[in-house]
């Protein structure tokens, strides 16, 4: 089994393994594989016409439309021959059930609340109706009162402006050494540079002629759209609520669910994500053989 580094020229080959999957895991896409490969040393191997990703000592469940069992069997044998533990990452409840179906109850899964994706109903993110969203509506109303603005879909004419805005956002928010934030900014920059190759769609808010917010995402199943990156100038009241609402309205209203990814244990981010009242959480964990 040979694992390779993920390169831009590999995307057409890798994309076919993700094309027909129906997943609620925001991280399971060719775009996320490519964009986060440098940060997590993500490599890939094709095994029995299924894609397996390796990241820092753990592996993905086989990705593709074929039978996962031959690929899993070979992966287990590879781990035995290399003297490493068989560990699967990003294991959802559906993957856990599939593993039990294939091998029996011989595994344990430790779910991590910090890694759980927040999933919302798109219609609620657009309408923001009801008492629970009163604060969000107020922020948007203040924004509308104080600014002249337009929404634009990200294209070749404005993507560079978004990168310039992102660099200013980094200056404003990355005080000192913050490796995690620096990696996210790098991933967002590459997402803007290669949005077409990665199959991403984006939107921005231009306020008084200047970009003050943008979002990027993609569909990950027939009824779910994942928002991977969202940046706004927080000193502008309503900047985050307006891009959140407008991006879903213009680019993802046809999808029932909007996945806005995890909070990574950040308390401020957790509070913000909970304030939008998630419809459900997509739990993800680590799978290992049960100790004998």
Protein backbone atom coordinates (compact mmCIF):
# COMPACT_ATOMS: atom_id res chain seq x y z
CA UNK A 1 0.00 0.00 0.00
CA UNK A 2 1.59 3.25 -1.16
CA UNK A 3 0.53 6.60 0.30
CA UNK A 4 1.21 9.72 -1.74
CA UNK A 5 1.26 13.43 -1.03
CA UNK A 6 -1.79 15.34 -2.24
CA UNK A 7 -1.03 17.64 -5.18
CA UNK A 8 -3.19 19.99 -7.22
CA UNK A 9 -2.73 17.90 -10.36
CA UNK A 10 -4.19 14.88 -8.50
CA UNK A 11 -7.60 16.54 -8.05
CA UNK A 12 -9.29 15.10 -11.18
CA UNK A 13 -8.33 11.57 -10.11
CA UNK A 14 -9.32 12.08 -6.48
CA UNK A 15 -12.58 13.87 -7.25
CA UNK A 16 -14.26 10.80 -8.73
CA UNK A 17 -14.11 9.01 -5.36
CA UNK A 18 -16.07 11.82 -3.68
CA UNK A 19 -18.51 12.56 -6.51
CA UNK A 20 -21.30 10.15 -5.63
CA UNK A 21 -20.92 9.92 -1.87
CA UNK A 22 -23.72 11.07 0.43
CA UNK A 23 -22.08 12.32 3.60
CA UNK A 24 -22.91 14.74 6.39
CA UNK A 25 -19.23 15.05 7.39
CA UNK A 26 -18.01 18.51 6.38
CA UNK A 27 -14.43 17.28 6.09
CA UNK A 28 -15.15 14.54 3.56
CA UNK A 29 -14.49 16.26 0.23
CA UNK A 30 -11.67 16.55 -2.26
CA UNK A 31 -11.40 20.27 -1.45
CA UNK A 32 -10.84 19.62 2.25
CA UNK A 33 -8.39 16.83 1.45
CA UNK A 34 -6.28 19.17 -0.66
CA UNK A 35 -6.57 22.34 1.44
CA UNK A 36 -5.67 20.74 4.78
CA UNK A 37 -3.06 18.29 3.48
CA UNK A 38 -0.09 20.53 4.43
CA UNK A 39 -1.38 21.15 7.96
CA UNK A 40 -2.16 17.52 8.81
CA UNK A 41 0.28 15.74 6.49
CA UNK A 42 -2.62 14.11 4.67
CA UNK A 43 -1.61 11.46 2.15
CA UNK A 44 -3.74 9.15 0.06
CA UNK A 45 -3.70 5.66 -1.42
CA UNK A 46 -6.05 3.96 -3.86
CA UNK A 47 -6.88 0.45 -2.66
CA UNK A 48 -9.29 -1.83 -4.53
CA UNK A 49 -10.59 1.26 -6.34
CA UNK A 50 -11.37 2.97 -3.05
CA UNK A 51 -9.62 6.03 -1.63
CA UNK A 52 -8.00 5.89 1.81
CA UNK A 53 -6.50 9.00 3.42
CA UNK A 54 -3.79 8.89 6.06
CA UNK A 55 -3.30 11.70 8.54
CA UNK A 56 -0.95 11.73 11.53
CA UNK A 57 -1.20 8.03 12.32
CA UNK A 58 -4.87 7.42 11.53
CA UNK A 59 -6.86 6.60 8.42
CA UNK A 60 -10.16 7.47 6.78
CA UNK A 61 -12.92 4.99 6.12
CA UNK A 62 -12.60 4.00 2.43
CA UNK A 63 -14.14 6.62 0.14
CA UNK A 64 -15.83 5.70 -3.13
CA UNK A 65 -18.76 3.81 -4.61
CA UNK A 66 -17.28 0.33 -4.32
CA UNK A 67 -17.24 -2.30 -1.57
CA UNK A 68 -15.20 -0.92 1.38
CA UNK A 69 -14.40 -4.33 2.92
CA UNK A 70 -11.51 -5.42 0.61
CA UNK A 71 -9.88 -2.00 1.14
CA UNK A 72 -10.39 -2.23 4.91
CA UNK A 73 -8.99 -5.78 5.00
CA UNK A 74 -5.88 -4.63 3.16
CA UNK A 75 -5.55 -1.60 5.41
CA UNK A 76 -5.69 -3.82 8.51
CA UNK A 77 -3.02 -6.08 7.02
CA UNK A 78 -0.90 -3.03 6.20
CA UNK A 79 -1.15 -1.86 9.81
CA UNK A 80 -0.14 -5.31 11.08
CA UNK A 81 2.83 -5.52 8.72
CA UNK A 82 3.99 -2.02 9.63
CA UNK A 83 3.52 -2.60 13.35
CA UNK A 84 1.08 0.30 13.75
CA UNK A 85 -2.34 0.49 15.34
CA UNK A 86 -5.43 0.32 13.14
CA UNK A 87 -7.19 3.63 13.81
CA UNK A 88 -9.91 5.33 11.78
CA UNK A 89 -10.57 9.06 12.17
CA UNK A 90 -13.71 11.12 11.41
CA UNK A 91 -15.93 8.14 12.21
CA UNK A 92 -19.61 9.07 12.14
CA UNK A 93 -22.47 7.03 13.56
CA UNK A 94 -23.12 5.71 10.03
CA UNK A 95 -19.52 4.54 9.64
CA UNK A 96 -19.57 2.92 13.09
CA UNK A 97 -22.72 1.01 12.12
CA UNK A 98 -21.10 -0.08 8.85
CA UNK A 99 -18.00 -1.35 10.67
CA UNK A 100 -20.15 -3.38 13.06
CA UNK A 101 -22.06 -4.80 10.10
CA UNK A 102 -18.81 -5.84 8.38
CA UNK A 103 -16.78 -7.09 11.36
CA UNK A 104 -19.02 -7.38 14.38
CA UNK A 105 -18.81 -5.55 17.68
CA UNK A 106 -15.00 -5.60 17.96
CA UNK A 107 -14.37 -1.83 17.91
CA UNK A 108 -14.74 1.11 20.24
CA UNK A 109 -15.45 4.65 19.06
CA UNK A 110 -14.55 7.68 21.15
CA UNK A 111 -16.55 10.67 19.98
CA UNK A 112 -15.13 14.16 20.43
CA UNK A 113 -17.61 16.99 21.09
CA UNK A 114 -15.06 19.52 19.82
CA UNK A 115 -15.12 17.86 16.38
CA UNK A 116 -18.90 17.61 15.99
CA UNK A 117 -20.34 19.51 13.00
CA UNK A 118 -23.19 21.99 13.51
CA UNK A 119 -26.05 21.49 11.05
CA UNK A 120 -28.85 24.02 10.48
CA UNK A 121 -31.99 24.27 8.38
CA UNK A 122 -31.24 26.59 5.46
CA UNK A 123 -34.67 28.22 5.60
CA UNK A 124 -34.06 29.32 9.21
CA UNK A 125 -30.64 30.79 8.42
CA UNK A 126 -32.27 32.80 5.63
CA UNK A 127 -35.48 33.96 7.32
CA UNK A 128 -34.14 34.31 10.89
CA UNK A 129 -37.77 34.35 11.98
CA UNK A 130 -38.96 33.91 15.55
CA UNK A 131 -37.89 35.15 18.97
CA UNK A 132 -34.76 32.98 19.03
CA UNK A 133 -33.27 34.97 16.16
CA UNK A 134 -34.27 38.41 17.39
CA UNK A 135 -30.66 39.39 18.10
CA UNK A 136 -29.48 38.29 14.65
CA UNK A 137 -32.21 40.35 12.97
CA UNK A 138 -31.25 43.38 15.04
CA UNK A 139 -27.60 43.13 13.92
CA UNK A 140 -28.68 42.88 10.28
CA UNK A 141 -31.10 45.80 10.67
CA UNK A 142 -28.32 47.99 12.11
CA UNK A 143 -26.07 46.93 9.23
CA UNK A 144 -28.73 47.85 6.68
CA UNK A 145 -29.32 51.23 8.35
CA UNK A 146 -25.64 52.16 8.48
CA UNK A 147 -24.28 50.86 5.19
CA UNK A 148 -24.78 50.72 1.46
CA UNK A 149 -23.88 47.19 0.43
CA UNK A 150 -24.21 44.57 -2.29
CA UNK A 151 -23.80 40.79 -2.43
CA UNK A 152 -21.60 39.27 -5.16
CA UNK A 153 -20.85 35.69 -6.10
CA UNK A 154 -17.10 35.09 -6.02
CA UNK A 155 -15.60 34.96 -9.51
CA UNK A 156 -12.31 35.59 -11.28
CA UNK A 157 -12.89 39.35 -11.12
CA UNK A 158 -13.21 39.61 -7.34
CA UNK A 159 -11.37 36.59 -5.89
CA UNK A 160 -8.10 38.54 -5.62
CA UNK A 161 -9.89 41.27 -3.68
CA UNK A 162 -11.10 38.59 -1.25
CA UNK A 163 -7.50 37.44 -0.75
CA UNK A 164 -6.46 41.03 0.01
CA UNK A 165 -9.35 41.29 2.49
CA UNK A 166 -8.26 37.97 4.05
CA UNK A 167 -4.71 39.27 4.56
CA UNK A 168 -6.09 42.35 6.32
CA UNK A 169 -8.30 40.07 8.44
CA UNK A 170 -5.18 38.12 9.38
CA UNK A 171 -3.40 41.32 10.47
CA UNK A 172 -6.42 42.30 12.57
CA UNK A 173 -6.90 38.91 14.24
CA UNK A 174 -3.59 37.03 14.36
CA UNK A 175 -1.85 38.77 17.23
CA UNK A 176 1.41 36.97 18.05
CA UNK A 177 2.04 33.38 16.99
CA UNK A 178 -1.16 31.46 16.39
CA UNK A 179 -0.31 28.43 14.30
CA UNK A 180 -3.88 27.16 14.00
CA UNK A 181 -5.19 30.50 12.74
CA UNK A 182 -2.26 30.90 10.36
CA UNK A 183 -2.99 27.46 8.89
CA UNK A 184 -6.66 28.32 8.46
CA UNK A 185 -5.78 31.57 6.69
CA UNK A 186 -3.43 29.65 4.38
CA UNK A 187 -6.18 27.11 3.60
CA UNK A 188 -8.69 29.91 2.94
CA UNK A 189 -6.23 31.69 0.65
CA UNK A 190 -5.69 28.52 -1.40
CA UNK A 191 -9.45 27.96 -1.49
CA UNK A 192 -9.87 31.41 -3.06
CA UNK A 193 -7.02 30.83 -5.49
CA UNK A 194 -8.26 27.43 -6.68
CA UNK A 195 -12.00 27.62 -6.02
CA UNK A 196 -12.90 26.39 -9.51
CA UNK A 197 -10.50 23.44 -9.46
CA UNK A 198 -11.79 22.49 -5.99
CA UNK A 199 -15.46 22.79 -6.92
CA UNK A 200 -16.14 25.51 -4.35
CA UNK A 201 -18.66 28.32 -4.61
CA UNK A 202 -18.31 31.61 -2.78
CA UNK A 203 -19.99 34.88 -2.00
CA UNK A 204 -18.97 38.25 -0.60
CA UNK A 205 -20.40 41.43 0.87
CA UNK A 206 -19.14 44.67 -0.62
CA UNK A 207 -19.78 47.61 1.69
CA UNK A 208 -19.24 51.16 0.39
CA UNK A 209 -17.21 49.57 -2.40
CA UNK A 210 -14.93 47.52 -0.10
CA UNK A 211 -15.17 43.78 0.60
CA UNK A 212 -15.89 43.29 4.31
CA UNK A 213 -16.91 39.60 4.36
CA UNK A 214 -16.81 36.42 2.29
CA UNK A 215 -17.79 32.75 2.49
CA UNK A 216 -16.80 29.61 0.59
CA UNK A 217 -18.42 26.19 0.57
CA UNK A 218 -19.75 23.25 -1.43
CA UNK A 219 -22.51 20.63 -1.50
CA UNK A 220 -21.53 17.40 0.26
CA UNK A 221 -24.76 15.47 -0.32
CA UNK A 222 -28.03 15.89 -2.18
CA UNK A 223 -29.57 17.80 0.75
CA UNK A 224 -26.58 19.32 2.57
CA UNK A 225 -24.24 22.21 1.80
CA UNK A 226 -21.07 22.76 3.86
CA UNK A 227 -19.71 26.23 4.64
CA UNK A 228 -15.95 25.78 4.94
CA UNK A 229 -14.69 29.35 5.30
CA UNK A 230 -16.34 32.51 6.55
CA UNK A 231 -14.42 35.70 7.29
CA UNK A 232 -15.70 39.18 8.13
CA UNK A 233 -14.44 42.32 9.81
CA UNK A 234 -15.87 41.94 13.32
CA UNK A 235 -15.58 45.68 14.04
CA UNK A 236 -18.43 46.23 11.55
CA UNK A 237 -21.68 45.45 13.35
CA UNK A 238 -23.66 42.84 11.47
CA UNK A 239 -20.89 41.80 9.08
CA UNK A 240 -20.92 38.16 10.16
CA UNK A 241 -24.73 37.80 10.34
CA UNK A 242 -25.21 39.40 6.90
CA UNK A 243 -22.70 37.14 5.09
CA UNK A 244 -24.10 34.11 6.90
CA UNK A 245 -27.63 34.91 5.73
CA UNK A 246 -26.85 36.16 2.23
CA UNK A 247 -24.45 33.35 1.32
CA UNK A 248 -27.05 30.70 2.12
CA UNK A 249 -29.78 32.72 0.37
CA UNK A 250 -27.85 33.13 -2.88
CA UNK A 251 -25.72 29.98 -3.08
CA UNK A 252 -27.31 27.22 -0.97
CA UNK A 253 -31.05 27.82 -0.56
CA UNK A 254 -31.85 24.68 -2.59
CA UNK A 255 -30.28 22.49 0.11
CA UNK A 256 -32.30 21.55 3.19
CA UNK A 257 -29.32 21.53 5.55
CA UNK A 258 -26.32 23.80 6.05
CA UNK A 259 -23.26 22.30 7.75
CA UNK A 260 -21.15 25.01 9.41
CA UNK A 261 -18.45 22.66 10.67
CA UNK A 262 -17.10 22.20 14.19
CA UNK A 263 -16.05 24.63 16.94
CA UNK A 264 -12.71 22.91 17.78
CA UNK A 265 -13.39 23.48 21.47
CA UNK A 266 -13.23 27.28 21.16
CA UNK A 267 -15.76 28.61 23.69
CA UNK A 268 -16.47 31.83 21.79
CA UNK A 269 -17.03 29.95 18.56
CA UNK A 270 -19.20 27.39 20.33
CA UNK A 271 -21.40 30.12 21.76
CA UNK A 272 -21.75 31.72 18.33
CA UNK A 273 -22.65 28.45 16.60
CA UNK A 274 -25.16 27.50 19.29
CA UNK A 275 -26.80 30.92 19.01
CA UNK A 276 -27.97 29.97 15.50
CA UNK A 277 -29.88 27.00 16.97
CA UNK A 278 -28.51 23.91 15.18
CA UNK A 279 -31.00 21.38 13.96
CA UNK A 280 -28.57 18.54 14.71
CA UNK A 281 -24.94 17.71 15.33
CA UNK A 282 -22.82 15.34 13.25
CA UNK A 283 -20.71 13.46 15.77
CA UNK A 284 -17.26 12.28 14.73
CA UNK A 285 -14.77 10.15 16.59
CA UNK A 286 -11.83 7.78 16.59
CA UNK A 287 -12.36 4.03 15.99
CA UNK A 288 -10.00 1.38 17.36
CA UNK A 289 -10.11 -2.33 18.04
CA UNK A 290 -11.62 -3.08 21.42
CA UNK A 291 -9.02 -4.10 24.00
CA UNK A 292 -9.10 -7.80 24.77
